[in-house]
Amino acid sequence: MPVVVVVAVLANVLGGTEEPSGDGPAVVEGSTAPRPEDLPVLPVEVPPVTPEADASCPAFMTELPLELAGEPSRRVQSDTPYAYAWGDPPIVLVCGVDRPAGWVVGVSAIQINGVQWYVDTSDPDTTVWTTVDRPVHVEVTLPADVDSAPVTALTGRIAATLPAVEPTPGG
């Protein structure tokens, strides 16, 4: 029982008793990170699936992380398999969305690690980031008080699975 001896010695050194109490595991106070199964299923509205989404999104979706910016993944309910979410309040990703309204080629894109994004801040509660230089658009919706860290973390996976294309006004 070397483990019990070590625990007893540490407890004695730290001011506890020499013998373990035997009352079971210690109660640790404070909050713990939510587990995916603890978060409610999140309904996510998605556009109809296009042939382009069916061709491009599956490879990308398999590369998404289980944790993003310290937030665990969570279950989603959508009409396609191309939606994913993390945390509460949620960070929501949808692959195969429509071209973002308000985006102008060459004028309003931000580049992060080689991926071009259009950023929509018109809703005071969310910031919507949408890729504009991939064969399909990927949309990431963040709570307004969250910075670009989740988007930055996703750019490597986007670049690795969705090849860059020249942005076009109609695409």
N, C-alpha and C. Protein backbone atom coordinates (compact mmCIF):
# COMPACT_ATOMS: atom_id res chain seq x y z
N MET A 1 0.81 -1.20 0.00
CA MET A 1 0.00 0.00 0.00
C MET A 1 0.85 1.27 0.00
N PRO A 2 1.84 1.39 -0.86
CA PRO A 2 2.68 2.58 -0.87
C PRO A 2 1.89 3.86 -1.13
N VAL A 3 0.81 3.80 -1.89
CA VAL A 3 0.03 4.99 -2.18
C VAL A 3 -0.61 5.53 -0.90
N VAL A 4 -1.16 4.67 -0.09
CA VAL A 4 -1.79 5.09 1.16
C VAL A 4 -0.77 5.73 2.08
N VAL A 5 0.43 5.14 2.12
CA VAL A 5 1.49 5.71 2.96
C VAL A 5 1.84 7.10 2.48
N VAL A 6 1.99 7.27 1.17
CA VAL A 6 2.34 8.58 0.62
C VAL A 6 1.24 9.58 0.93
N VAL A 7 -0.02 9.19 0.76
CA VAL A 7 -1.13 10.08 1.05
C VAL A 7 -1.14 10.45 2.53
N ALA A 8 -0.93 9.45 3.39
CA ALA A 8 -0.92 9.71 4.83
C ALA A 8 0.22 10.63 5.21
N VAL A 9 1.40 10.40 4.62
CA VAL A 9 2.56 11.26 4.93
C VAL A 9 2.29 12.68 4.43
N LEU A 10 1.77 12.83 3.20
CA LEU A 10 1.47 14.16 2.68
C LEU A 10 0.41 14.85 3.54
N ALA A 11 -0.60 14.12 3.95
CA ALA A 11 -1.63 14.70 4.79
C ALA A 11 -1.05 15.17 6.12
N ASN A 12 -0.13 14.40 6.67
CA ASN A 12 0.49 14.77 7.94
C ASN A 12 1.36 16.01 7.76
N VAL A 13 2.12 16.06 6.66
CA VAL A 13 2.99 17.20 6.40
C VAL A 13 2.15 18.46 6.17
N LEU A 14 1.01 18.31 5.50
CA LEU A 14 0.16 19.45 5.19
C LEU A 14 -0.78 19.80 6.34
N GLY A 15 -0.63 19.13 7.48
CA GLY A 15 -1.43 19.48 8.64
C GLY A 15 -2.64 18.60 8.85
N GLY A 16 -2.76 17.51 8.09
CA GLY A 16 -3.88 16.59 8.28
C GLY A 16 -3.53 15.53 9.30
N THR A 17 -4.35 14.50 9.35
CA THR A 17 -4.09 13.39 10.26
C THR A 17 -3.19 12.39 9.60
N GLU A 18 -2.63 11.49 10.37
CA GLU A 18 -1.75 10.46 9.83
C GLU A 18 -2.52 9.40 9.08
N GLU A 19 -3.73 9.09 9.49
CA GLU A 19 -4.53 8.05 8.87
C GLU A 19 -5.58 8.67 7.95
N PRO A 20 -5.78 8.08 6.78
CA PRO A 20 -6.87 8.56 5.94
C PRO A 20 -8.19 8.32 6.65
N SER A 21 -9.16 9.20 6.43
CA SER A 21 -10.43 9.13 7.15
C SER A 21 -11.28 7.96 6.69
N GLY A 22 -11.15 7.52 5.44
CA GLY A 22 -11.95 6.42 4.96
C GLY A 22 -13.38 6.82 4.64
N ASP A 23 -13.68 8.10 4.62
CA ASP A 23 -15.04 8.56 4.36
C ASP A 23 -15.33 8.71 2.86
N GLY A 24 -14.44 8.29 2.00
CA GLY A 24 -14.67 8.41 0.57
C GLY A 24 -13.87 9.55 -0.02
N PRO A 25 -14.12 9.84 -1.27
CA PRO A 25 -13.34 10.89 -1.94
C PRO A 25 -13.63 12.27 -1.35
N ALA A 26 -12.63 13.10 -1.44
CA ALA A 26 -12.77 14.46 -0.93
C ALA A 26 -13.74 15.24 -1.80
N VAL A 27 -14.47 16.14 -1.21
CA VAL A 27 -15.37 17.01 -1.94
C VAL A 27 -14.59 18.24 -2.36
N VAL A 28 -14.57 18.50 -3.64
CA VAL A 28 -13.85 19.66 -4.16
C VAL A 28 -14.89 20.71 -4.53
N GLU A 29 -14.76 21.88 -3.96
CA GLU A 29 -15.71 22.94 -4.25
C GLU A 29 -15.25 23.74 -5.46
N GLY A 30 -16.19 24.41 -6.08
CA GLY A 30 -15.89 25.21 -7.27
C GLY A 30 -16.60 24.62 -8.46
N SER A 31 -16.50 25.30 -9.58
CA SER A 31 -17.20 24.82 -10.77
C SER A 31 -16.25 24.01 -11.62
N THR A 32 -16.81 23.08 -12.35
CA THR A 32 -16.03 22.31 -13.31
C THR A 32 -16.54 22.66 -14.70
N ALA A 33 -15.71 22.41 -15.68
CA ALA A 33 -16.10 22.69 -17.06
C ALA A 33 -17.26 21.78 -17.44
N PRO A 34 -18.23 22.30 -18.18
CA PRO A 34 -19.35 21.45 -18.59
C PRO A 34 -18.87 20.36 -19.54
N ARG A 35 -19.49 19.21 -19.45
CA ARG A 35 -19.22 18.12 -20.38
C ARG A 35 -20.22 18.24 -21.52
N PRO A 36 -19.86 17.76 -22.71
CA PRO A 36 -20.79 17.88 -23.84
C PRO A 36 -22.18 17.31 -23.53
N GLU A 37 -22.23 16.21 -22.82
CA GLU A 37 -23.52 15.61 -22.53
C GLU A 37 -24.33 16.42 -21.50
N ASP A 38 -23.68 17.35 -20.81
CA ASP A 38 -24.39 18.20 -19.85
C ASP A 38 -25.04 19.41 -20.52
N LEU A 39 -24.58 19.75 -21.71
CA LEU A 39 -25.11 20.91 -22.42
C LEU A 39 -26.36 20.48 -23.21
N PRO A 40 -27.38 21.32 -23.26
CA PRO A 40 -28.57 20.95 -24.03
C PRO A 40 -28.26 20.90 -25.53
N VAL A 41 -29.03 20.09 -26.24
CA VAL A 41 -28.90 20.02 -27.70
C VAL A 41 -29.24 21.39 -28.27
N LEU A 42 -28.39 21.87 -29.16
CA LEU A 42 -28.54 23.21 -29.72
C LEU A 42 -29.16 23.12 -31.12
N PRO A 43 -30.35 23.71 -31.32
CA PRO A 43 -30.90 23.74 -32.69
C PRO A 43 -30.11 24.74 -33.53
N VAL A 44 -29.70 24.32 -34.72
CA VAL A 44 -28.91 25.18 -35.61
C VAL A 44 -29.61 25.22 -36.97
N GLU A 45 -29.95 26.44 -37.40
CA GLU A 45 -30.54 26.61 -38.72
C GLU A 45 -29.44 26.58 -39.76
N VAL A 46 -29.68 25.81 -40.81
CA VAL A 46 -28.70 25.65 -41.87
C VAL A 46 -29.38 25.80 -43.22
N PRO A 47 -28.62 26.23 -44.23
CA PRO A 47 -29.22 26.29 -45.58
C PRO A 47 -29.33 24.88 -46.15
N PRO A 48 -30.10 24.73 -47.21
CA PRO A 48 -30.17 23.42 -47.87
C PRO A 48 -28.77 22.98 -48.33
N VAL A 49 -28.53 21.68 -48.31
CA VAL A 49 -27.24 21.16 -48.73
C VAL A 49 -27.11 21.28 -50.25
N THR A 50 -25.96 21.76 -50.67
CA THR A 50 -25.66 21.88 -52.10
C THR A 50 -24.68 20.78 -52.50
N PRO A 51 -24.56 20.50 -53.80
CA PRO A 51 -23.54 19.53 -54.23
C PRO A 51 -22.14 19.96 -53.82
N GLU A 52 -21.87 21.27 -53.82
CA GLU A 52 -20.56 21.77 -53.39
C GLU A 52 -20.30 21.45 -51.92
N ALA A 53 -21.32 21.62 -51.08
CA ALA A 53 -21.17 21.30 -49.66
C ALA A 53 -20.94 19.80 -49.47
N ASP A 54 -21.69 18.98 -50.18
CA ASP A 54 -21.50 17.53 -50.09
C ASP A 54 -20.10 17.11 -50.55
N ALA A 55 -19.53 17.85 -51.50
CA ALA A 55 -18.20 17.52 -52.00
C ALA A 55 -17.09 17.99 -51.07
N SER A 56 -17.30 19.11 -50.36
CA SER A 56 -16.21 19.73 -49.59
C SER A 56 -16.33 19.59 -48.07
N CYS A 57 -17.52 19.65 -47.54
CA CYS A 57 -17.69 19.73 -46.08
C CYS A 57 -17.32 18.46 -45.30
N PRO A 58 -17.60 17.24 -45.80
CA PRO A 58 -17.30 16.06 -44.98
C PRO A 58 -15.85 15.97 -44.51
N ALA A 59 -14.89 16.22 -45.39
CA ALA A 59 -13.48 16.14 -45.00
C ALA A 59 -13.15 17.19 -43.94
N PHE A 60 -13.71 18.36 -44.08
CA PHE A 60 -13.47 19.43 -43.10
C PHE A 60 -14.10 19.10 -41.75
N MET A 61 -15.34 18.62 -41.76
CA MET A 61 -16.06 18.35 -40.52
C MET A 61 -15.37 17.28 -39.67
N THR A 62 -14.71 16.33 -40.31
CA THR A 62 -14.03 15.28 -39.54
C THR A 62 -12.78 15.81 -38.83
N GLU A 63 -12.32 16.98 -39.21
CA GLU A 63 -11.12 17.57 -38.61
C GLU A 63 -11.42 18.56 -37.48
N LEU A 64 -12.68 18.78 -37.16
CA LEU A 64 -13.01 19.76 -36.12
C LEU A 64 -12.59 19.27 -34.75
N PRO A 65 -12.11 20.18 -33.90
CA PRO A 65 -11.64 19.77 -32.58
C PRO A 65 -12.80 19.51 -31.61
N LEU A 66 -12.56 18.65 -30.63
CA LEU A 66 -13.57 18.40 -29.59
C LEU A 66 -13.67 19.57 -28.62
N GLU A 67 -12.60 20.37 -28.55
CA GLU A 67 -12.59 21.55 -27.69
C GLU A 67 -12.07 22.71 -28.51
N LEU A 68 -12.71 23.87 -28.35
CA LEU A 68 -12.31 25.06 -29.10
C LEU A 68 -12.26 26.23 -28.14
N ALA A 69 -11.10 26.86 -28.03
CA ALA A 69 -10.92 28.02 -27.14
C ALA A 69 -11.38 27.70 -25.72
N GLY A 70 -11.08 26.49 -25.27
CA GLY A 70 -11.42 26.09 -23.91
C GLY A 70 -12.86 25.64 -23.74
N GLU A 71 -13.64 25.63 -24.80
CA GLU A 71 -15.06 25.25 -24.73
C GLU A 71 -15.25 23.84 -25.30
N PRO A 72 -16.03 22.98 -24.62
CA PRO A 72 -16.25 21.62 -25.12
C PRO A 72 -17.25 21.62 -26.28
N SER A 73 -17.14 20.60 -27.12
CA SER A 73 -18.12 20.48 -28.20
C SER A 73 -19.47 20.16 -27.58
N ARG A 74 -20.52 20.40 -28.35
CA ARG A 74 -21.87 20.09 -27.87
C ARG A 74 -22.71 19.56 -29.02
N ARG A 75 -23.73 18.85 -28.67
CA ARG A 75 -24.61 18.26 -29.67
C ARG A 75 -25.46 19.34 -30.33
N VAL A 76 -25.67 19.15 -31.63
CA VAL A 76 -26.52 20.08 -32.38
C VAL A 76 -27.64 19.31 -33.07
N GLN A 77 -28.71 20.02 -33.35
CA GLN A 77 -29.81 19.48 -34.13
C GLN A 77 -29.93 20.36 -35.36
N SER A 78 -29.71 19.77 -36.54
CA SER A 78 -29.81 20.55 -37.77
C SER A 78 -30.27 19.63 -38.90
N ASP A 79 -30.61 20.24 -40.01
CA ASP A 79 -31.05 19.47 -41.17
C ASP A 79 -29.89 18.92 -41.99
N THR A 80 -28.65 19.20 -41.60
CA THR A 80 -27.48 18.67 -42.30
C THR A 80 -26.46 18.20 -41.27
N PRO A 81 -25.51 17.39 -41.70
CA PRO A 81 -24.42 17.01 -40.81
C PRO A 81 -23.29 18.04 -40.78
N TYR A 82 -23.52 19.20 -41.40
CA TYR A 82 -22.46 20.19 -41.55
C TYR A 82 -22.57 21.33 -40.55
N ALA A 83 -23.10 21.05 -39.37
CA ALA A 83 -23.19 22.03 -38.29
C ALA A 83 -22.50 21.46 -37.06
N TYR A 84 -21.85 22.33 -36.29
CA TYR A 84 -21.11 21.90 -35.10
C TYR A 84 -21.12 23.07 -34.12
N ALA A 85 -20.99 22.77 -32.84
CA ALA A 85 -20.98 23.85 -31.84
C ALA A 85 -20.11 23.48 -30.66
N TRP A 86 -19.70 24.53 -29.95
CA TRP A 86 -18.91 24.38 -28.73
C TRP A 86 -19.46 25.34 -27.70
N GLY A 87 -19.43 24.93 -26.42
CA GLY A 87 -19.65 25.81 -25.29
C GLY A 87 -21.05 26.35 -25.10
N ASP A 88 -21.16 27.17 -24.05
CA ASP A 88 -22.41 27.83 -23.68
C ASP A 88 -22.06 29.15 -23.02
N PRO A 89 -22.33 30.29 -23.61
CA PRO A 89 -23.06 30.49 -24.86
C PRO A 89 -22.28 29.87 -26.02
N PRO A 90 -23.01 29.43 -27.04
CA PRO A 90 -22.37 28.63 -28.08
C PRO A 90 -21.55 29.40 -29.10
N ILE A 91 -20.52 28.70 -29.56
CA ILE A 91 -19.78 29.06 -30.77
C ILE A 91 -20.31 28.07 -31.80
N VAL A 92 -20.88 28.56 -32.90
CA VAL A 92 -21.54 27.69 -33.87
C VAL A 92 -20.83 27.77 -35.22
N LEU A 93 -20.58 26.62 -35.81
CA LEU A 93 -19.95 26.54 -37.12
C LEU A 93 -20.92 25.83 -38.07
N VAL A 94 -21.06 26.38 -39.27
CA VAL A 94 -21.84 25.74 -40.32
C VAL A 94 -21.02 25.77 -41.61
N CYS A 95 -20.86 24.61 -42.22
CA CYS A 95 -20.13 24.50 -43.49
C CYS A 95 -21.15 24.45 -44.62
N GLY A 96 -20.91 25.23 -45.68
CA GLY A 96 -21.78 25.22 -46.85
C GLY A 96 -22.87 26.27 -46.80
N VAL A 97 -22.58 27.40 -46.16
CA VAL A 97 -23.57 28.48 -46.09
C VAL A 97 -23.52 29.33 -47.37
N ASP A 98 -24.51 30.19 -47.51
CA ASP A 98 -24.57 31.10 -48.65
C ASP A 98 -23.49 32.17 -48.54
N ARG A 99 -23.21 32.80 -49.65
CA ARG A 99 -22.28 33.93 -49.67
C ARG A 99 -22.80 34.99 -48.70
N PRO A 100 -21.92 35.56 -47.88
CA PRO A 100 -22.39 36.52 -46.89
C PRO A 100 -22.91 37.81 -47.52
N ALA A 101 -24.06 38.25 -47.06
CA ALA A 101 -24.63 39.53 -47.51
C ALA A 101 -23.71 40.65 -47.05
N GLY A 102 -23.51 41.62 -47.86
CA GLY A 102 -22.66 42.75 -47.47
C GLY A 102 -21.20 42.59 -47.86
N TRP A 103 -20.80 41.41 -48.28
CA TRP A 103 -19.40 41.19 -48.63
C TRP A 103 -19.11 41.72 -50.03
N VAL A 104 -18.02 42.46 -50.15
CA VAL A 104 -17.58 43.01 -51.43
C VAL A 104 -16.19 42.46 -51.71
N VAL A 105 -16.02 41.83 -52.87
CA VAL A 105 -14.74 41.23 -53.24
C VAL A 105 -13.62 42.26 -53.17
N GLY A 106 -12.55 41.90 -52.48
CA GLY A 106 -11.36 42.74 -52.42
C GLY A 106 -11.44 43.92 -51.49
N VAL A 107 -12.58 44.16 -50.87
CA VAL A 107 -12.72 45.34 -50.03
C VAL A 107 -12.88 44.97 -48.55
N SER A 108 -13.72 44.01 -48.28
CA SER A 108 -14.11 43.81 -46.88
C SER A 108 -13.74 42.45 -46.29
N ALA A 109 -12.58 41.92 -46.64
CA ALA A 109 -12.15 40.64 -46.09
C ALA A 109 -10.96 40.84 -45.15
N ILE A 110 -10.93 40.02 -44.13
CA ILE A 110 -9.79 39.98 -43.19
C ILE A 110 -9.10 38.65 -43.41
N GLN A 111 -7.77 38.67 -43.49
CA GLN A 111 -7.04 37.43 -43.70
C GLN A 111 -6.41 36.99 -42.39
N ILE A 112 -6.64 35.72 -42.02
CA ILE A 112 -6.03 35.12 -40.84
C ILE A 112 -5.39 33.82 -41.28
N ASN A 113 -4.08 33.73 -41.14
CA ASN A 113 -3.34 32.51 -41.49
C ASN A 113 -3.69 31.99 -42.88
N GLY A 114 -3.83 32.88 -43.84
CA GLY A 114 -4.07 32.49 -45.21
C GLY A 114 -5.52 32.23 -45.57
N VAL A 115 -6.44 32.42 -44.64
CA VAL A 115 -7.87 32.24 -44.91
C VAL A 115 -8.53 33.62 -44.86
N GLN A 116 -9.32 33.93 -45.90
CA GLN A 116 -10.01 35.23 -45.95
C GLN A 116 -11.41 35.11 -45.34
N TRP A 117 -11.72 36.06 -44.45
CA TRP A 117 -12.99 36.07 -43.73
C TRP A 117 -13.71 37.39 -43.95
N TYR A 118 -15.01 37.30 -44.06
CA TYR A 118 -15.87 38.48 -43.99
C TYR A 118 -16.44 38.48 -42.58
N VAL A 119 -16.42 39.62 -41.90
CA VAL A 119 -16.89 39.71 -40.52
C VAL A 119 -18.12 40.61 -40.47
N ASP A 120 -19.20 40.05 -39.95
CA ASP A 120 -20.46 40.78 -39.82
C ASP A 120 -20.72 41.06 -38.34
N THR A 121 -20.74 42.34 -37.98
CA THR A 121 -20.98 42.75 -36.59
C THR A 121 -22.30 43.49 -36.45
N SER A 122 -23.21 43.29 -37.39
CA SER A 122 -24.46 44.06 -37.37
C SER A 122 -25.40 43.65 -36.23
N ASP A 123 -25.28 42.44 -35.71
CA ASP A 123 -26.09 42.00 -34.58
C ASP A 123 -25.29 42.29 -33.30
N PRO A 124 -25.85 43.04 -32.35
CA PRO A 124 -25.08 43.37 -31.14
C PRO A 124 -24.77 42.17 -30.25
N ASP A 125 -25.45 41.04 -30.47
CA ASP A 125 -25.23 39.86 -29.63
C ASP A 125 -24.23 38.87 -30.21
N THR A 126 -23.96 38.96 -31.51
CA THR A 126 -23.06 37.99 -32.14
C THR A 126 -22.13 38.65 -33.15
N THR A 127 -21.05 37.95 -33.44
CA THR A 127 -20.16 38.31 -34.54
C THR A 127 -20.12 37.10 -35.45
N VAL A 128 -20.39 37.31 -36.73
CA VAL A 128 -20.43 36.21 -37.68
C VAL A 128 -19.24 36.33 -38.62
N TRP A 129 -18.40 35.31 -38.62
CA TRP A 129 -17.23 35.22 -39.49
C TRP A 129 -17.54 34.22 -40.58
N THR A 130 -17.33 34.59 -41.85
CA THR A 130 -17.60 33.69 -42.97
C THR A 130 -16.41 33.68 -43.92
N THR A 131 -15.93 32.48 -44.26
CA THR A 131 -14.84 32.39 -45.23
C THR A 131 -15.37 32.80 -46.60
N VAL A 132 -14.50 33.44 -47.38
CA VAL A 132 -14.91 33.89 -48.71
C VAL A 132 -13.98 33.39 -49.81
N ASP A 133 -12.99 32.58 -49.45
CA ASP A 133 -12.01 32.14 -50.44
C ASP A 133 -11.85 30.62 -50.47
N ARG A 134 -12.93 29.90 -50.21
CA ARG A 134 -12.92 28.44 -50.21
C ARG A 134 -14.01 27.94 -51.16
N PRO A 135 -13.97 26.67 -51.58
CA PRO A 135 -14.99 26.19 -52.51
C PRO A 135 -16.40 26.23 -51.92
N VAL A 136 -16.50 26.22 -50.60
CA VAL A 136 -17.76 26.44 -49.88
C VAL A 136 -17.48 27.44 -48.77
N HIS A 137 -18.50 28.18 -48.39
CA HIS A 137 -18.33 29.14 -47.30
C HIS A 137 -18.54 28.44 -45.96
N VAL A 138 -17.66 28.76 -45.01
CA VAL A 138 -17.77 28.26 -43.64
C VAL A 138 -18.10 29.46 -42.77
N GLU A 139 -19.14 29.32 -41.96
CA GLU A 139 -19.60 30.40 -41.09
C GLU A 139 -19.36 30.02 -39.64
N VAL A 140 -18.78 30.94 -38.88
CA VAL A 140 -18.57 30.74 -37.45
C VAL A 140 -19.24 31.91 -36.73
N THR A 141 -20.22 31.59 -35.89
CA THR A 141 -20.94 32.61 -35.14
C THR A 141 -20.47 32.58 -33.70
N LEU A 142 -19.99 33.72 -33.23
CA LEU A 142 -19.46 33.86 -31.88
C LEU A 142 -20.32 34.80 -31.06
N PRO A 143 -20.41 34.58 -29.74
CA PRO A 143 -21.02 35.60 -28.90
C PRO A 143 -20.22 36.91 -29.09
N ALA A 144 -20.88 38.04 -29.04
CA ALA A 144 -20.23 39.33 -29.32
C ALA A 144 -19.04 39.62 -28.42
N ASP A 145 -19.03 39.07 -27.21
CA ASP A 145 -17.93 39.36 -26.29
C ASP A 145 -16.75 38.39 -26.44
N VAL A 146 -16.79 37.51 -27.43
CA VAL A 146 -15.69 36.57 -27.68
C VAL A 146 -14.82 37.12 -28.80
N ASP A 147 -13.50 37.11 -28.59
CA ASP A 147 -12.59 37.63 -29.61
C ASP A 147 -12.42 36.63 -30.75
N SER A 148 -11.47 36.85 -31.61
CA SER A 148 -11.28 36.01 -32.80
C SER A 148 -10.51 34.73 -32.54
N ALA A 149 -10.18 34.41 -31.31
CA ALA A 149 -9.39 33.21 -31.01
C ALA A 149 -10.00 31.93 -31.57
N PRO A 150 -11.31 31.68 -31.43
CA PRO A 150 -11.86 30.46 -32.02
C PRO A 150 -11.70 30.41 -33.54
N VAL A 151 -11.89 31.54 -34.20
CA VAL A 151 -11.75 31.60 -35.65
C VAL A 151 -10.30 31.34 -36.04
N THR A 152 -9.39 31.96 -35.33
CA THR A 152 -7.97 31.76 -35.59
C THR A 152 -7.60 30.29 -35.41
N ALA A 153 -8.14 29.64 -34.37
CA ALA A 153 -7.84 28.23 -34.13
C ALA A 153 -8.37 27.33 -35.24
N LEU A 154 -9.42 27.73 -35.90
CA LEU A 154 -10.01 26.91 -36.97
C LEU A 154 -9.35 27.11 -38.33
N THR A 155 -8.60 28.20 -38.52
CA THR A 155 -8.08 28.51 -39.85
C THR A 155 -7.13 27.45 -40.39
N GLY A 156 -6.32 26.86 -39.55
CA GLY A 156 -5.41 25.82 -40.02
C GLY A 156 -6.15 24.61 -40.56
N ARG A 157 -7.23 24.23 -39.90
CA ARG A 157 -8.03 23.08 -40.35
C ARG A 157 -8.77 23.42 -41.65
N ILE A 158 -9.22 24.67 -41.75
CA ILE A 158 -9.89 25.10 -42.98
C ILE A 158 -8.90 25.07 -44.13
N ALA A 159 -7.73 25.66 -43.94
CA ALA A 159 -6.71 25.71 -44.99
C ALA A 159 -6.26 24.31 -45.41
N ALA A 160 -6.20 23.37 -44.46
CA ALA A 160 -5.73 22.02 -44.76
C ALA A 160 -6.77 21.17 -45.50
N THR A 161 -8.05 21.46 -45.32
CA THR A 161 -9.08 20.59 -45.90
C THR A 161 -9.90 21.24 -47.01
N LEU A 162 -9.91 22.56 -47.06
CA LEU A 162 -10.68 23.27 -48.08
C LEU A 162 -9.71 24.15 -48.87
N PRO A 163 -9.39 23.78 -50.11
CA PRO A 163 -8.39 24.54 -50.86
C PRO A 163 -8.85 25.97 -51.13
N ALA A 164 -7.89 26.87 -51.18
CA ALA A 164 -8.19 28.27 -51.48
C ALA A 164 -8.63 28.40 -52.94
N VAL A 165 -9.60 29.28 -53.15
CA VAL A 165 -10.07 29.63 -54.48
C VAL A 165 -10.13 31.15 -54.55
N GLU A 166 -10.10 31.66 -55.76
CA GLU A 166 -10.21 33.11 -55.95
C GLU A 166 -11.63 33.55 -55.60
N PRO A 167 -11.78 34.48 -54.66
CA PRO A 167 -13.14 34.96 -54.33
C PRO A 167 -13.80 35.59 -55.55
N THR A 168 -15.08 35.32 -55.71
CA THR A 168 -15.82 35.89 -56.84
C THR A 168 -17.06 36.59 -56.34
N PRO A 169 -17.52 37.62 -57.02
CA PRO A 169 -18.69 38.37 -56.55
C PRO A 169 -19.95 37.52 -56.39
N GLY A 170 -20.15 36.56 -57.25
CA GLY A 170 -21.36 35.74 -57.17
C GLY A 170 -21.19 34.48 -56.36
N GLY A 171 -19.96 34.18 -55.89
CA GLY A 171 -19.74 32.89 -55.24
C GLY A 171 -19.79 32.98 -53.83
